[in-house]
Amino acid sequence: MNAAEVVNTLLVQRFGVAMADVTDETPLRTLRIDSLALEELRVLIEDQLDIDLEEVPLTPRDTVGRLVAAVNGMVPA
């Protein structure tokens, strides 16, 4: 699974977001991902992809595309 698939799957399955609402331009806060939910999402992504996102600054104001880009930047080639 690539980073976008992991993020999208987690948003839909774990956070109840409708797949139709998930686009690169969608702010996480629009999907009801607040700071606490974002931390949970971060941990789930780290566990699934075996990466560390601790140093990546993310807020609910960031978009899904920004999150995916951050994850892509951490996934080893």
Protein backbone atom coordinates (compact mmCIF):
# COMPACT_ATOMS: atom_id res chain seq x y z
CA MET A 1 0.00 0.00 0.00
CA ASN A 2 1.29 3.46 -0.80
CA ALA A 3 0.97 6.47 1.50
CA ALA A 4 -2.23 7.80 -0.11
CA GLU A 5 -3.93 4.41 0.17
CA VAL A 6 -2.96 4.07 3.83
CA VAL A 7 -4.16 7.59 4.71
CA ASN A 8 -7.41 7.25 2.76
CA THR A 9 -8.16 3.79 4.16
CA LEU A 10 -7.58 4.95 7.73
CA LEU A 11 -9.74 8.05 7.27
CA VAL A 12 -12.60 5.95 5.92
CA GLN A 13 -12.34 2.86 8.13
CA ARG A 14 -11.18 4.30 11.45
CA PHE A 15 -12.62 7.81 11.36
CA GLY A 16 -15.85 7.26 9.41
CA VAL A 17 -15.04 9.72 6.65
CA ALA A 18 -16.89 9.21 3.35
CA MET A 19 -14.45 8.30 0.57
CA ALA A 20 -16.12 10.90 -1.67
CA ASP A 21 -15.07 13.62 0.81
CA VAL A 22 -11.37 12.69 0.71
CA THR A 23 -9.45 14.76 -1.84
CA ASP A 24 -5.94 16.20 -1.82
CA GLU A 25 -7.38 19.69 -1.27
CA THR A 26 -9.66 18.77 1.65
CA PRO A 27 -8.53 20.24 4.98
CA LEU A 28 -8.39 17.61 7.72
CA ARG A 29 -10.59 19.75 9.97
CA THR A 30 -13.33 19.60 7.32
CA LEU A 31 -13.29 15.83 7.80
CA ARG A 32 -13.70 16.37 11.57
CA ILE A 33 -10.08 15.48 12.26
CA ASP A 34 -9.19 17.62 15.26
CA SER A 35 -5.79 17.70 16.97
CA LEU A 36 -6.52 14.61 19.07
CA ALA A 37 -7.80 12.62 16.09
CA LEU A 38 -4.77 13.78 14.08
CA GLU A 39 -2.44 12.35 16.73
CA GLU A 40 -4.32 9.06 16.61
CA LEU A 41 -4.12 9.07 12.80
CA ARG A 42 -0.39 9.84 12.99
CA VAL A 43 0.22 6.85 15.28
CA LEU A 44 -1.82 4.53 13.06
CA ILE A 45 0.13 5.66 9.97
CA GLU A 46 3.44 5.22 11.79
CA ASP A 47 2.48 1.70 12.85
CA GLN A 48 1.29 0.62 9.40
CA LEU A 49 4.24 2.04 7.48
CA ASP A 50 6.93 1.66 10.16
CA ILE A 51 7.93 5.33 9.99
CA ASP A 52 8.29 8.19 12.47
CA LEU A 53 6.24 11.33 11.86
CA GLU A 54 7.13 12.95 15.18
CA GLU A 55 9.19 15.73 13.57
CA VAL A 56 6.60 16.47 10.87
CA PRO A 57 4.50 19.52 11.80
CA LEU A 58 0.86 18.74 11.02
CA THR A 59 -2.33 20.48 12.10
CA PRO A 60 -6.02 19.97 11.34
CA ARG A 61 -5.71 22.96 9.00
CA ASP A 62 -3.41 20.93 6.72
CA THR A 63 -4.94 19.15 3.75
CA VAL A 64 -5.10 15.45 3.04
CA GLY A 65 -2.58 16.07 0.25
CA ARG A 66 -0.14 17.70 2.69
CA LEU A 67 -0.47 14.72 5.04
CA VAL A 68 0.14 12.27 2.19
CA ALA A 69 3.16 14.29 1.00
CA ALA A 70 4.59 14.28 4.54
CA VAL A 71 4.12 10.53 4.80
CA ASN A 72 5.67 10.03 1.36
CA GLY A 73 8.68 12.03 2.50
CA MET A 74 9.22 9.61 5.38
CA VAL A 75 8.69 6.31 3.55
CA PRO A 76 12.00 4.74 2.53
CA ALA A 77 12.46 4.29 -1.20
